């Protein structure tokens, strides 16, 4: 898929997975989508794998009162695919996959510690992540929160749309296994600016952006 686009048009990507997913923190609902322009994340989007009922994992006492193991979730270990042709410029794979948190009892303390993770830099926020440069000067596409040890690419590798690059995990600033996608004009994260993106399920389709909490299927 080409990265060339008219000025002001979104960068067109392919979905980096197959199956049923739901969007969270979508720029179709608000910008900046994650409440900040920092780290080039103004137009970022999160994707959570769900079942036919829209659930990311079974409900039980742990989901109400405690943390949960990440492998309890449908998305954990799901293949993550390259959404754009390009060259890998970052492949970070040393962050642990931590427990998931759906319970308000565990979620609130975790959210309050977000600033500490931000101080750890890209690894603390994005966890295990890959950045693909669509061209040498960008744009740069980030896929974050991958499973530790699942990285299938290295810096310098040339990738094509649909190639496996890793697996969905729960590393970094993540409360349950999901895939975070964003595009930016730089990988100097302190000054990077976010770039609008859109997704196409096939090369011939026009791009679109899923809205929050609406499930969709990718074949």
C-alpha atoms as a PDB file:
ATOM      1  CA  UNK A   1       0.000   0.000   0.000  1.00  0.00           C
ATOM      2  CA  UNK A   2       1.433   3.340  -0.983  1.00  0.00           C
ATOM      3  CA  UNK A   3       2.094   5.988   1.648  1.00  0.00           C
ATOM      4  CA  UNK A   4       1.691   8.896  -0.774  1.00  0.00           C
ATOM      5  CA  UNK A   5      -1.348  11.037  -0.025  1.00  0.00           C
ATOM      6  CA  UNK A   6      -2.681  14.492  -0.862  1.00  0.00           C
ATOM      7  CA  UNK A   7      -1.808  17.218   1.616  1.00  0.00           C
ATOM      8  CA  UNK A   8      -4.131  17.025   4.599  1.00  0.00           C
ATOM      9  CA  UNK A   9      -5.516  13.583   3.683  1.00  0.00           C
ATOM     10  CA  UNK A  10      -5.259  10.760   6.251  1.00  0.00           C
ATOM     11  CA  UNK A  11      -2.497   8.202   5.890  1.00  0.00           C
ATOM     12  CA  UNK A  12      -4.216   5.086   4.554  1.00  0.00           C
ATOM     13  CA  UNK A  13      -3.362   1.876   6.440  1.00  0.00           C
ATOM     14  CA  UNK A  14      -4.542  -1.704   6.414  1.00  0.00           C
ATOM     15  CA  UNK A  15      -5.865  -3.193   9.647  1.00  0.00           C
ATOM     16  CA  UNK A  16      -2.968  -4.915  11.451  1.00  0.00           C
ATOM     17  CA  UNK A  17      -5.001  -8.011  12.361  1.00  0.00           C
ATOM     18  CA  UNK A  18      -7.851 -10.297  11.349  1.00  0.00           C
ATOM     19  CA  UNK A  19     -10.939 -11.349  13.304  1.00  0.00           C
ATOM     20  CA  UNK A  20     -13.453  -9.342  15.348  1.00  0.00           C
ATOM     21  CA  UNK A  21     -12.245  -6.202  17.093  1.00  0.00           C
ATOM     22  CA  UNK A  22     -13.650  -3.083  18.701  1.00  0.00           C
ATOM     23  CA  UNK A  23     -12.136   0.398  18.726  1.00  0.00           C
ATOM     24  CA  UNK A  24     -11.335   2.407  21.839  1.00  0.00           C
ATOM     25  CA  UNK A  25      -9.978   5.959  22.096  1.00  0.00           C
ATOM     26  CA  UNK A  26     -10.840   6.529  18.442  1.00  0.00           C
ATOM     27  CA  UNK A  27     -10.064   9.844  16.716  1.00  0.00           C
ATOM     28  CA  UNK A  28     -13.452   9.413  14.999  1.00  0.00           C
ATOM     29  CA  UNK A  29     -14.925  10.384  18.384  1.00  0.00           C
ATOM     30  CA  UNK A  30     -12.454  13.041  19.534  1.00  0.00           C
ATOM     31  CA  UNK A  31      -9.046  14.544  18.814  1.00  0.00           C
ATOM     32  CA  UNK A  32      -6.691  14.252  20.569  1.00  0.00           C
ATOM     33  CA  UNK A  33      -7.975  10.693  20.867  1.00  0.00           C
ATOM     34  CA  UNK A  34      -5.976   9.829  23.982  1.00  0.00           C
ATOM     35  CA  UNK A  35      -6.428  13.227  25.612  1.00  0.00           C
ATOM     36  CA  UNK A  36      -3.005  14.535  24.613  1.00  0.00           C
ATOM     37  CA  UNK A  37      -0.910  15.571  21.633  1.00  0.00           C
ATOM     38  CA  UNK A  38       2.245  14.267  23.340  1.00  0.00           C
ATOM     39  CA  UNK A  39       4.396  11.558  21.741  1.00  0.00           C
ATOM     40  CA  UNK A  40       2.694  12.044  18.367  1.00  0.00           C
ATOM     41  CA  UNK A  41      -0.450  10.367  19.710  1.00  0.00           C
ATOM     42  CA  UNK A  42      -3.110  12.925  18.732  1.00  0.00           C
ATOM     43  CA  UNK A  43      -4.746  10.586  16.182  1.00  0.00           C
ATOM     44  CA  UNK A  44      -3.871   7.242  17.790  1.00  0.00           C
ATOM     45  CA  UNK A  45      -6.428   4.452  18.112  1.00  0.00           C
ATOM     46  CA  UNK A  46      -6.657   1.299  20.253  1.00  0.00           C
ATOM     47  CA  UNK A  47      -8.114  -2.019  19.104  1.00  0.00           C
ATOM     48  CA  UNK A  48      -9.375  -4.776  21.436  1.00  0.00           C
ATOM     49  CA  UNK A  49     -10.215  -8.273  20.161  1.00  0.00           C
ATOM     50  CA  UNK A  50     -13.722  -9.429  21.167  1.00  0.00           C
ATOM     51  CA  UNK A  51     -16.014 -12.440  20.768  1.00  0.00           C
ATOM     52  CA  UNK A  52     -19.419 -12.528  19.074  1.00  0.00           C
ATOM     53  CA  UNK A  53     -20.945 -10.970  22.198  1.00  0.00           C
ATOM     54  CA  UNK A  54     -18.472  -8.085  22.249  1.00  0.00           C
ATOM     55  CA  UNK A  55     -16.510  -9.399  25.257  1.00  0.00           C
ATOM     56  CA  UNK A  56     -12.732  -9.308  25.371  1.00  0.00           C
ATOM     57  CA  UNK A  57     -12.589 -12.041  28.047  1.00  0.00           C
ATOM     58  CA  UNK A  58     -14.992 -14.056  30.217  1.00  0.00           C
ATOM     59  CA  UNK A  59     -16.410 -12.291  33.253  1.00  0.00           C
ATOM     60  CA  UNK A  60     -15.816 -13.679  36.727  1.00  0.00           C
ATOM     61  CA  UNK A  61     -14.880 -12.682  40.247  1.00  0.00           C
ATOM     62  CA  UNK A  62     -11.397 -11.598  39.137  1.00  0.00           C
ATOM     63  CA  UNK A  63     -12.781  -9.155  36.568  1.00  0.00           C
ATOM     64  CA  UNK A  64     -14.843  -7.565  39.359  1.00  0.00           C
ATOM     65  CA  UNK A  65     -12.332  -7.531  42.201  1.00  0.00           C
ATOM     66  CA  UNK A  66      -8.787  -8.380  41.083  1.00  0.00           C
ATOM     67  CA  UNK A  67      -6.252  -8.398  38.302  1.00  0.00           C
ATOM     68  CA  UNK A  68      -6.427 -11.025  35.557  1.00  0.00           C
ATOM     69  CA  UNK A  69      -3.770 -12.967  33.636  1.00  0.00           C
ATOM     70  CA  UNK A  70      -3.359 -11.538  30.126  1.00  0.00           C
ATOM     71  CA  UNK A  71      -3.738 -14.937  28.454  1.00  0.00           C
ATOM     72  CA  UNK A  72      -7.357 -14.951  29.639  1.00  0.00           C
ATOM     73  CA  UNK A  73      -8.124 -12.385  26.919  1.00  0.00           C
ATOM     74  CA  UNK A  74      -9.073 -13.214  23.326  1.00  0.00           C
ATOM     75  CA  UNK A  75      -6.591 -10.756  21.858  1.00  0.00           C
ATOM     76  CA  UNK A  76      -3.538 -11.975  23.760  1.00  0.00           C
ATOM     77  CA  UNK A  77      -1.060 -13.560  21.333  1.00  0.00           C
ATOM     78  CA  UNK A  78      -3.155 -12.636  18.275  1.00  0.00           C
ATOM     79  CA  UNK A  79      -0.909 -12.025  15.234  1.00  0.00           C
ATOM     80  CA  UNK A  80      -0.128  -8.357  14.535  1.00  0.00           C
ATOM     81  CA  UNK A  81       0.515  -7.546  10.882  1.00  0.00           C
ATOM     82  CA  UNK A  82       2.271  -4.713   9.087  1.00  0.00           C
ATOM     83  CA  UNK A  83      -0.338  -2.060   8.202  1.00  0.00           C
ATOM     84  CA  UNK A  84       1.885  -0.301   5.662  1.00  0.00           C
ATOM     85  CA  UNK A  85       4.849  -1.025   3.405  1.00  0.00           C
ATOM     86  CA  UNK A  86       8.109   0.332   4.736  1.00  0.00           C
ATOM     87  CA  UNK A  87      11.271  -0.192   6.763  1.00  0.00           C
ATOM     88  CA  UNK A  88      11.447  -1.067  10.453  1.00  0.00           C
ATOM     89  CA  UNK A  89      13.206   1.734  12.333  1.00  0.00           C
ATOM     90  CA  UNK A  90      12.381   0.674  15.909  1.00  0.00           C
ATOM     91  CA  UNK A  91      11.824  -2.841  17.296  1.00  0.00           C
ATOM     92  CA  UNK A  92      11.661  -2.733  21.097  1.00  0.00           C
ATOM     93  CA  UNK A  93      11.097  -6.102  22.804  1.00  0.00           C
ATOM     94  CA  UNK A  94      12.103  -6.247  26.438  1.00  0.00           C
ATOM     95  CA  UNK A  95       9.069  -5.146  28.454  1.00  0.00           C
ATOM     96  CA  UNK A  96       7.044  -7.683  30.508  1.00  0.00           C
ATOM     97  CA  UNK A  97       3.405  -8.494  29.857  1.00  0.00           C
ATOM     98  CA  UNK A  98       1.667  -7.558  33.084  1.00  0.00           C
ATOM     99  CA  UNK A  99      -1.671  -8.454  34.624  1.00  0.00           C
ATOM    100  CA  UNK A 100      -4.831  -7.009  33.052  1.00  0.00           C
ATOM    101  CA  UNK A 101      -7.120  -4.700  35.007  1.00  0.00           C
ATOM    102  CA  UNK A 102     -10.862  -4.455  34.360  1.00  0.00           C
ATOM    103  CA  UNK A 103     -11.893  -4.085  37.983  1.00  0.00           C
ATOM    104  CA  UNK A 104     -12.298  -0.474  39.199  1.00  0.00           C
ATOM    105  CA  UNK A 105     -10.511  -1.610  42.374  1.00  0.00           C
ATOM    106  CA  UNK A 106      -7.335  -2.276  40.387  1.00  0.00           C
ATOM    107  CA  UNK A 107      -7.855   0.129  37.489  1.00  0.00           C
ATOM    108  CA  UNK A 108      -7.864   3.394  39.428  1.00  0.00           C
ATOM    109  CA  UNK A 109      -4.505   2.884  41.215  1.00  0.00           C
ATOM    110  CA  UNK A 110      -2.966   1.862  37.885  1.00  0.00           C
ATOM    111  CA  UNK A 111      -4.237   4.981  36.121  1.00  0.00           C
ATOM    112  CA  UNK A 112      -2.865   7.155  38.908  1.00  0.00           C
ATOM    113  CA  UNK A 113       0.603   5.711  38.268  1.00  0.00           C
ATOM    114  CA  UNK A 114       0.588   6.627  34.565  1.00  0.00           C
ATOM    115  CA  UNK A 115       2.955   9.563  35.015  1.00  0.00           C
ATOM    116  CA  UNK A 116       5.595   7.216  36.412  1.00  0.00           C
ATOM    117  CA  UNK A 117       5.392   5.073  33.274  1.00  0.00           C
ATOM    118  CA  UNK A 118       5.639   8.184  31.103  1.00  0.00           C
ATOM    119  CA  UNK A 119       8.919   9.040  32.827  1.00  0.00           C
ATOM    120  CA  UNK A 120      10.298   5.700  31.605  1.00  0.00           C
ATOM    121  CA  UNK A 121       9.967   6.879  28.005  1.00  0.00           C
ATOM    122  CA  UNK A 122       8.651   4.958  25.021  1.00  0.00           C
ATOM    123  CA  UNK A 123       9.115   1.561  26.650  1.00  0.00           C
ATOM    124  CA  UNK A 124       7.101   2.558  29.704  1.00  0.00           C
ATOM    125  CA  UNK A 125       4.175   3.788  27.606  1.00  0.00           C
ATOM    126  CA  UNK A 126       4.255   1.745  24.395  1.00  0.00           C
ATOM    127  CA  UNK A 127       5.729  -1.386  25.925  1.00  0.00           C
ATOM    128  CA  UNK A 128       7.078  -3.681  23.245  1.00  0.00           C
ATOM    129  CA  UNK A 129       6.596  -1.856  19.975  1.00  0.00           C
ATOM    130  CA  UNK A 130       7.516  -1.622  16.311  1.00  0.00           C
ATOM    131  CA  UNK A 131       7.823   1.527  14.223  1.00  0.00           C
ATOM    132  CA  UNK A 132       7.662   1.315  10.421  1.00  0.00           C
ATOM    133  CA  UNK A 133       8.891   4.199   8.265  1.00  0.00           C
ATOM    134  CA  UNK A 134       6.666   4.416   5.195  1.00  0.00           C
ATOM    135  CA  UNK A 135       9.461   6.446   3.592  1.00  0.00           C
ATOM    136  CA  UNK A 136      12.897   7.411   4.872  1.00  0.00           C
ATOM    137  CA  UNK A 137      11.568  10.755   6.091  1.00  0.00           C
ATOM    138  CA  UNK A 138       8.275   9.324   7.326  1.00  0.00           C
ATOM    139  CA  UNK A 139       5.473   9.121   8.087  1.00  0.00           C
ATOM    140  CA  UNK A 140       6.219   6.695  10.915  1.00  0.00           C
ATOM    141  CA  UNK A 141       3.651   4.104  11.986  1.00  0.00           C
ATOM    142  CA  UNK A 142       3.807   2.790  15.560  1.00  0.00           C
ATOM    143  CA  UNK A 143       2.249  -0.483  16.766  1.00  0.00           C
ATOM    144  CA  UNK A 144       2.413  -0.824  20.525  1.00  0.00           C
ATOM    145  CA  UNK A 145       1.775  -3.169  23.492  1.00  0.00           C
ATOM    146  CA  UNK A 146       3.125  -6.273  21.756  1.00  0.00           C
ATOM    147  CA  UNK A 147       3.818  -9.511  23.594  1.00  0.00           C
ATOM    148  CA  UNK A 148       7.360  -9.860  24.849  1.00  0.00           C
ATOM    149  CA  UNK A 149       9.348 -12.360  22.803  1.00  0.00           C
ATOM    150  CA  UNK A 150       6.935 -12.231  19.860  1.00  0.00           C
ATOM    151  CA  UNK A 151       8.837  -9.719  17.741  1.00  0.00           C
ATOM    152  CA  UNK A 152       9.284 -11.080  14.236  1.00  0.00           C
ATOM    153  CA  UNK A 153      11.217  -8.157  12.744  1.00  0.00           C
ATOM    154  CA  UNK A 154      14.406  -6.244  13.392  1.00  0.00           C
ATOM    155  CA  UNK A 155      15.565  -2.713  12.671  1.00  0.00           C
ATOM    156  CA  UNK A 156      16.361  -2.421   8.986  1.00  0.00           C
ATOM    157  CA  UNK A 157      13.907  -5.100   7.832  1.00  0.00           C
ATOM    158  CA  UNK A 158      11.747  -4.162   4.850  1.00  0.00           C
ATOM    159  CA  UNK A 159       8.119  -5.163   5.418  1.00  0.00           C
ATOM    160  CA  UNK A 160       5.062  -5.335   3.223  1.00  0.00           C
ATOM    161  CA  UNK A 161       1.417  -4.958   4.171  1.00  0.00           C
ATOM    162  CA  UNK A 162       0.132  -8.097   5.879  1.00  0.00           C
ATOM    163  CA  UNK A 163       3.512  -9.456   6.991  1.00  0.00           C
ATOM    164  CA  UNK A 164       3.599 -10.699  10.617  1.00  0.00           C
ATOM    165  CA  UNK A 165       5.585  -8.382  12.868  1.00  0.00           C
ATOM    166  CA  UNK A 166       4.646  -9.618  16.341  1.00  0.00           C
ATOM    167  CA  UNK A 167       1.741 -10.628  18.564  1.00  0.00           C
ATOM    168  CA  UNK A 168      -0.733  -8.712  20.685  1.00  0.00           C
ATOM    169  CA  UNK A 169       0.345  -8.375  24.294  1.00  0.00           C
ATOM    170  CA  UNK A 170      -0.215  -6.361  27.437  1.00  0.00           C
ATOM    171  CA  UNK A 171       3.068  -4.519  27.837  1.00  0.00           C
ATOM    172  CA  UNK A 172       3.587  -0.863  28.642  1.00  0.00           C
ATOM    173  CA  UNK A 173       0.716   1.447  29.588  1.00  0.00           C
ATOM    174  CA  UNK A 174      -2.021  -1.093  28.937  1.00  0.00           C
ATOM    175  CA  UNK A 175      -4.942  -2.262  31.077  1.00  0.00           C
ATOM    176  CA  UNK A 176      -5.840  -5.241  28.859  1.00  0.00           C
ATOM    177  CA  UNK A 177      -4.327  -6.829  25.744  1.00  0.00           C
ATOM    178  CA  UNK A 178      -4.843  -4.555  22.742  1.00  0.00           C
ATOM    179  CA  UNK A 179      -3.109  -3.055  19.714  1.00  0.00           C
ATOM    180  CA  UNK A 180      -2.320   0.660  19.687  1.00  0.00           C
ATOM    181  CA  UNK A 181      -1.754   2.247  16.264  1.00  0.00           C
ATOM    182  CA  UNK A 182      -0.615   5.769  15.469  1.00  0.00           C
ATOM    183  CA  UNK A 183       1.280   7.693  12.807  1.00  0.00           C
ATOM    184  CA  UNK A 184       3.603  10.629  13.355  1.00  0.00           C
ATOM    185  CA  UNK A 185       5.979  12.870  11.454  1.00  0.00           C
ATOM    186  CA  UNK A 186       8.983  11.897  13.589  1.00  0.00           C
ATOM    187  CA  UNK A 187      10.329   9.325  16.036  1.00  0.00           C
ATOM    188  CA  UNK A 188      11.765  12.098  18.202  1.00  0.00           C
ATOM    189  CA  UNK A 189       8.838  11.554  20.557  1.00  0.00           C
ATOM    190  CA  UNK A 190       9.294  14.773  22.532  1.00  0.00           C
ATOM    191  CA  UNK A 191       8.510  16.835  19.422  1.00  0.00           C
ATOM    192  CA  UNK A 192       6.644  14.365  17.176  1.00  0.00           C
ATOM    193  CA  UNK A 193       3.309  15.464  15.743  1.00  0.00           C
ATOM    194  CA  UNK A 194       0.474  13.049  15.110  1.00  0.00           C
ATOM    195  CA  UNK A 195      -0.797  12.387  11.597  1.00  0.00           C
ATOM    196  CA  UNK A 196      -4.448  11.509  10.810  1.00  0.00           C
ATOM    197  CA  UNK A 197      -4.912   7.896   9.706  1.00  0.00           C
ATOM    198  CA  UNK A 198      -7.669   5.834   8.111  1.00  0.00           C
ATOM    199  CA  UNK A 199      -8.044   2.107   7.508  1.00  0.00           C
ATOM    200  CA  UNK A 200      -8.995   0.003   4.515  1.00  0.00           C
ATOM    201  CA  UNK A 201      -9.870  -3.680   4.749  1.00  0.00           C
ATOM    202  CA  UNK A 202      -8.655  -4.124   1.158  1.00  0.00           C
ATOM    203  CA  UNK A 203      -6.400  -2.137  -1.123  1.00  0.00           C
ATOM    204  CA  UNK A 204      -9.287  -1.059  -3.350  1.00  0.00           C
ATOM    205  CA  UNK A 205     -11.455   0.237  -0.494  1.00  0.00           C
ATOM    206  CA  UNK A 206     -11.604   3.820   0.636  1.00  0.00           C
ATOM    207  CA  UNK A 207     -10.343   4.442   4.135  1.00  0.00           C
ATOM    208  CA  UNK A 208     -12.549   4.783   7.192  1.00  0.00           C
ATOM    209  CA  UNK A 209     -12.116   5.159  10.939  1.00  0.00           C
ATOM    210  CA  UNK A 210     -14.061   2.918  13.359  1.00  0.00           C
ATOM    211  CA  UNK A 211     -15.933   4.692  16.122  1.00  0.00           C
ATOM    212  CA  UNK A 212     -15.643   3.724  19.783  1.00  0.00           C
ATOM    213  CA  UNK A 213     -17.317   0.530  20.999  1.00  0.00           C
ATOM    214  CA  UNK A 214     -18.511  -0.556  17.548  1.00  0.00           C
ATOM    215  CA  UNK A 215     -17.370  -4.111  16.732  1.00  0.00           C
ATOM    216  CA  UNK A 216     -16.238  -4.950  13.208  1.00  0.00           C
ATOM    217  CA  UNK A 217     -14.748  -7.947  11.417  1.00  0.00           C
ATOM    218  CA  UNK A 218     -11.559  -8.080   9.369  1.00  0.00           C
ATOM    219  CA  UNK A 219     -10.963 -11.066   7.094  1.00  0.00           C
END
